[in-house]
Amino acid sequence: MNAFLQSAKSLVGGLTDIGLMLLALAIVCALLVGGNVPFFGAVTANIIALVKDLGSNGLVGLIALGIILWLFSHRSMA
């Protein structure tokens, strides 16, 4: 059972890494080309909207941002 959990954790960690790499690629492509990039969509507009929503919620947005950052910083692939 422990081996299954380790392999599932490794799979989810790998998929998260791929997702973050695709997000970085989408941001770079959107900045170079501008506007909607095929396949990636309006990623920069979505990020701006997310930051605006977190900022308009005051303390709740700050807590949510802290939780998101904690989740990404405390994961391990081992």
N, C-alpha and C. Protein backbone atom coordinates (compact mmCIF):
# COMPACT_ATOMS: atom_id res chain seq x y z
N MET A 1 0.82 -1.19 0.00
CA MET A 1 0.00 0.00 0.00
C MET A 1 0.87 1.26 0.00
N ASN A 2 1.98 1.21 0.75
CA ASN A 2 2.88 2.36 0.82
C ASN A 2 3.53 2.63 -0.54
N ALA A 3 3.87 1.56 -1.27
CA ALA A 3 4.48 1.73 -2.59
C ALA A 3 3.49 2.38 -3.55
N PHE A 4 2.22 2.01 -3.43
CA PHE A 4 1.19 2.62 -4.27
C PHE A 4 1.06 4.11 -3.98
N LEU A 5 1.06 4.47 -2.71
CA LEU A 5 0.95 5.89 -2.34
C LEU A 5 2.16 6.67 -2.83
N GLN A 6 3.35 6.08 -2.72
CA GLN A 6 4.55 6.75 -3.20
C GLN A 6 4.51 6.95 -4.71
N SER A 7 4.04 5.95 -5.44
CA SER A 7 3.98 6.09 -6.89
C SER A 7 2.90 7.09 -7.29
N ALA A 8 1.79 7.11 -6.57
CA ALA A 8 0.74 8.10 -6.86
C ALA A 8 1.23 9.51 -6.54
N LYS A 9 1.95 9.66 -5.45
CA LYS A 9 2.51 10.96 -5.08
C LYS A 9 3.53 11.42 -6.12
N SER A 10 4.34 10.52 -6.60
CA SER A 10 5.32 10.86 -7.63
C SER A 10 4.63 11.25 -8.93
N LEU A 11 3.56 10.55 -9.29
CA LEU A 11 2.82 10.86 -10.51
C LEU A 11 2.17 12.25 -10.42
N VAL A 12 1.53 12.54 -9.30
CA VAL A 12 0.90 13.84 -9.12
C VAL A 12 1.95 14.96 -9.11
N GLY A 13 3.08 14.72 -8.48
CA GLY A 13 4.16 15.70 -8.46
C GLY A 13 4.71 15.96 -9.86
N GLY A 14 4.85 14.90 -10.64
CA GLY A 14 5.33 15.05 -12.01
C GLY A 14 4.35 15.81 -12.88
N LEU A 15 3.06 15.51 -12.72
CA LEU A 15 2.04 16.23 -13.48
C LEU A 15 1.98 17.71 -13.09
N THR A 16 2.17 17.99 -11.81
CA THR A 16 2.20 19.38 -11.35
C THR A 16 3.39 20.12 -11.95
N ASP A 17 4.55 19.46 -11.99
CA ASP A 17 5.73 20.08 -12.59
C ASP A 17 5.51 20.37 -14.08
N ILE A 18 4.90 19.42 -14.78
CA ILE A 18 4.60 19.64 -16.20
C ILE A 18 3.62 20.80 -16.36
N GLY A 19 2.61 20.86 -15.51
CA GLY A 19 1.65 21.96 -15.57
C GLY A 19 2.29 23.31 -15.33
N LEU A 20 3.21 23.37 -14.37
CA LEU A 20 3.90 24.63 -14.10
C LEU A 20 4.81 25.03 -15.26
N MET A 21 5.44 24.05 -15.89
CA MET A 21 6.27 24.35 -17.05
C MET A 21 5.43 24.86 -18.22
N LEU A 22 4.27 24.25 -18.43
CA LEU A 22 3.37 24.72 -19.49
C LEU A 22 2.85 26.11 -19.19
N LEU A 23 2.59 26.40 -17.92
CA LEU A 23 2.15 27.74 -17.54
C LEU A 23 3.23 28.77 -17.83
N ALA A 24 4.47 28.46 -17.50
CA ALA A 24 5.58 29.37 -17.79
C ALA A 24 5.73 29.57 -19.29
N LEU A 25 5.60 28.50 -20.07
CA LEU A 25 5.68 28.61 -21.52
C LEU A 25 4.55 29.47 -22.07
N ALA A 26 3.35 29.30 -21.53
CA ALA A 26 2.21 30.10 -21.98
C ALA A 26 2.40 31.57 -21.68
N ILE A 27 2.96 31.88 -20.52
CA ILE A 27 3.20 33.29 -20.16
C ILE A 27 4.23 33.90 -21.11
N VAL A 28 5.31 33.19 -21.38
CA VAL A 28 6.34 33.69 -22.29
C VAL A 28 5.77 33.89 -23.69
N CYS A 29 5.01 32.91 -24.18
CA CYS A 29 4.42 33.03 -25.52
C CYS A 29 3.44 34.20 -25.59
N ALA A 30 2.63 34.38 -24.55
CA ALA A 30 1.66 35.48 -24.54
C ALA A 30 2.37 36.82 -24.50
N LEU A 31 3.48 36.90 -23.78
CA LEU A 31 4.22 38.16 -23.73
C LEU A 31 4.93 38.46 -25.05
N LEU A 32 5.42 37.43 -25.72
CA LEU A 32 6.11 37.64 -26.99
C LEU A 32 5.14 37.95 -28.13
N VAL A 33 4.04 37.22 -28.19
CA VAL A 33 3.09 37.36 -29.28
C VAL A 33 2.00 38.38 -28.95
N GLY A 34 1.56 38.38 -27.70
CA GLY A 34 0.49 39.27 -27.28
C GLY A 34 -0.88 38.67 -27.56
N GLY A 35 -1.83 39.03 -26.73
CA GLY A 35 -3.20 38.55 -26.92
C GLY A 35 -3.37 37.08 -26.63
N ASN A 36 -4.40 36.51 -27.26
CA ASN A 36 -4.68 35.08 -27.09
C ASN A 36 -3.73 34.26 -27.94
N VAL A 37 -3.06 33.33 -27.33
CA VAL A 37 -2.17 32.41 -28.03
C VAL A 37 -2.93 31.11 -28.22
N PRO A 38 -2.97 30.58 -29.46
CA PRO A 38 -3.66 29.30 -29.65
C PRO A 38 -3.13 28.23 -28.71
N PHE A 39 -3.99 27.39 -28.23
CA PHE A 39 -3.74 26.30 -27.30
C PHE A 39 -3.62 26.80 -25.86
N PHE A 40 -3.04 27.95 -25.62
CA PHE A 40 -2.87 28.44 -24.26
C PHE A 40 -3.99 29.37 -23.82
N GLY A 41 -4.65 30.05 -24.75
CA GLY A 41 -5.72 30.97 -24.40
C GLY A 41 -5.19 32.24 -23.78
N ALA A 42 -6.02 32.89 -22.99
CA ALA A 42 -5.67 34.17 -22.38
C ALA A 42 -5.09 33.94 -20.98
N VAL A 43 -3.93 33.31 -20.92
CA VAL A 43 -3.35 32.94 -19.63
C VAL A 43 -2.96 34.18 -18.82
N THR A 44 -2.43 35.20 -19.47
CA THR A 44 -2.04 36.39 -18.72
C THR A 44 -3.26 37.11 -18.16
N ALA A 45 -4.35 37.15 -18.93
CA ALA A 45 -5.58 37.78 -18.42
C ALA A 45 -6.13 37.00 -17.23
N ASN A 46 -6.02 35.69 -17.27
CA ASN A 46 -6.50 34.86 -16.16
C ASN A 46 -5.66 35.09 -14.91
N ILE A 47 -4.34 35.21 -15.08
CA ILE A 47 -3.47 35.45 -13.93
C ILE A 47 -3.75 36.82 -13.33
N ILE A 48 -3.94 37.82 -14.18
CA ILE A 48 -4.26 39.16 -13.70
C ILE A 48 -5.58 39.16 -12.95
N ALA A 49 -6.57 38.44 -13.46
CA ALA A 49 -7.86 38.35 -12.78
C ALA A 49 -7.74 37.66 -11.43
N LEU A 50 -6.92 36.60 -11.36
CA LEU A 50 -6.71 35.90 -10.09
C LEU A 50 -6.06 36.81 -9.06
N VAL A 51 -5.03 37.54 -9.47
CA VAL A 51 -4.35 38.45 -8.54
C VAL A 51 -5.30 39.57 -8.10
N LYS A 52 -6.12 40.07 -9.02
CA LYS A 52 -7.07 41.11 -8.69
C LYS A 52 -8.12 40.60 -7.69
N ASP A 53 -8.60 39.37 -7.90
CA ASP A 53 -9.57 38.79 -6.97
C ASP A 53 -8.98 38.57 -5.59
N LEU A 54 -7.74 38.07 -5.54
CA LEU A 54 -7.09 37.87 -4.25
C LEU A 54 -6.85 39.20 -3.55
N GLY A 55 -6.48 40.22 -4.32
CA GLY A 55 -6.23 41.53 -3.74
C GLY A 55 -7.48 42.22 -3.24
N SER A 56 -8.60 42.01 -3.91
CA SER A 56 -9.83 42.68 -3.50
C SER A 56 -10.47 42.03 -2.28
N ASN A 57 -10.03 40.84 -1.92
CA ASN A 57 -10.60 40.14 -0.78
C ASN A 57 -9.85 40.41 0.52
N GLY A 58 -8.85 41.25 0.50
CA GLY A 58 -8.15 41.65 1.72
C GLY A 58 -7.47 40.49 2.43
N LEU A 59 -7.80 40.33 3.69
CA LEU A 59 -7.15 39.32 4.53
C LEU A 59 -7.44 37.90 4.03
N VAL A 60 -8.66 37.67 3.57
CA VAL A 60 -9.00 36.34 3.07
C VAL A 60 -8.16 36.00 1.85
N GLY A 61 -7.96 36.97 0.97
CA GLY A 61 -7.11 36.75 -0.20
C GLY A 61 -5.67 36.49 0.19
N LEU A 62 -5.19 37.20 1.21
CA LEU A 62 -3.82 37.00 1.68
C LEU A 62 -3.65 35.61 2.29
N ILE A 63 -4.64 35.16 3.03
CA ILE A 63 -4.59 33.82 3.61
C ILE A 63 -4.62 32.76 2.51
N ALA A 64 -5.49 32.96 1.50
CA ALA A 64 -5.57 32.01 0.39
C ALA A 64 -4.25 31.95 -0.38
N LEU A 65 -3.64 33.11 -0.60
CA LEU A 65 -2.34 33.14 -1.27
C LEU A 65 -1.29 32.42 -0.45
N GLY A 66 -1.31 32.60 0.86
CA GLY A 66 -0.37 31.90 1.74
C GLY A 66 -0.55 30.40 1.68
N ILE A 67 -1.78 29.94 1.64
CA ILE A 67 -2.05 28.50 1.55
C ILE A 67 -1.56 27.95 0.22
N ILE A 68 -1.81 28.67 -0.87
CA ILE A 68 -1.37 28.22 -2.19
C ILE A 68 0.16 28.13 -2.23
N LEU A 69 0.83 29.15 -1.72
CA LEU A 69 2.30 29.12 -1.71
C LEU A 69 2.83 28.02 -0.81
N TRP A 70 2.18 27.79 0.33
CA TRP A 70 2.61 26.72 1.23
C TRP A 70 2.46 25.36 0.54
N LEU A 71 1.36 25.14 -0.18
CA LEU A 71 1.15 23.86 -0.85
C LEU A 71 2.23 23.60 -1.90
N PHE A 72 2.62 24.64 -2.64
CA PHE A 72 3.64 24.44 -3.67
C PHE A 72 5.03 24.32 -3.09
N SER A 73 5.30 24.93 -1.94
CA SER A 73 6.66 24.88 -1.41
C SER A 73 6.91 23.66 -0.53
N HIS A 74 5.88 23.01 -0.04
CA HIS A 74 6.07 21.88 0.88
C HIS A 74 5.78 20.52 0.27
N ARG A 75 5.89 20.43 -1.02
CA ARG A 75 5.69 19.11 -1.65
C ARG A 75 7.05 18.54 -2.03
N SER A 76 7.15 17.24 -2.01
CA SER A 76 8.40 16.60 -2.39
C SER A 76 8.10 15.45 -3.35
N MET A 77 9.05 15.17 -4.21
CA MET A 77 8.86 14.12 -5.21
C MET A 77 9.32 12.76 -4.69
N ALA A 78 9.90 12.68 -3.51
CA ALA A 78 10.45 11.42 -2.99
C ALA A 78 9.41 10.42 -2.64
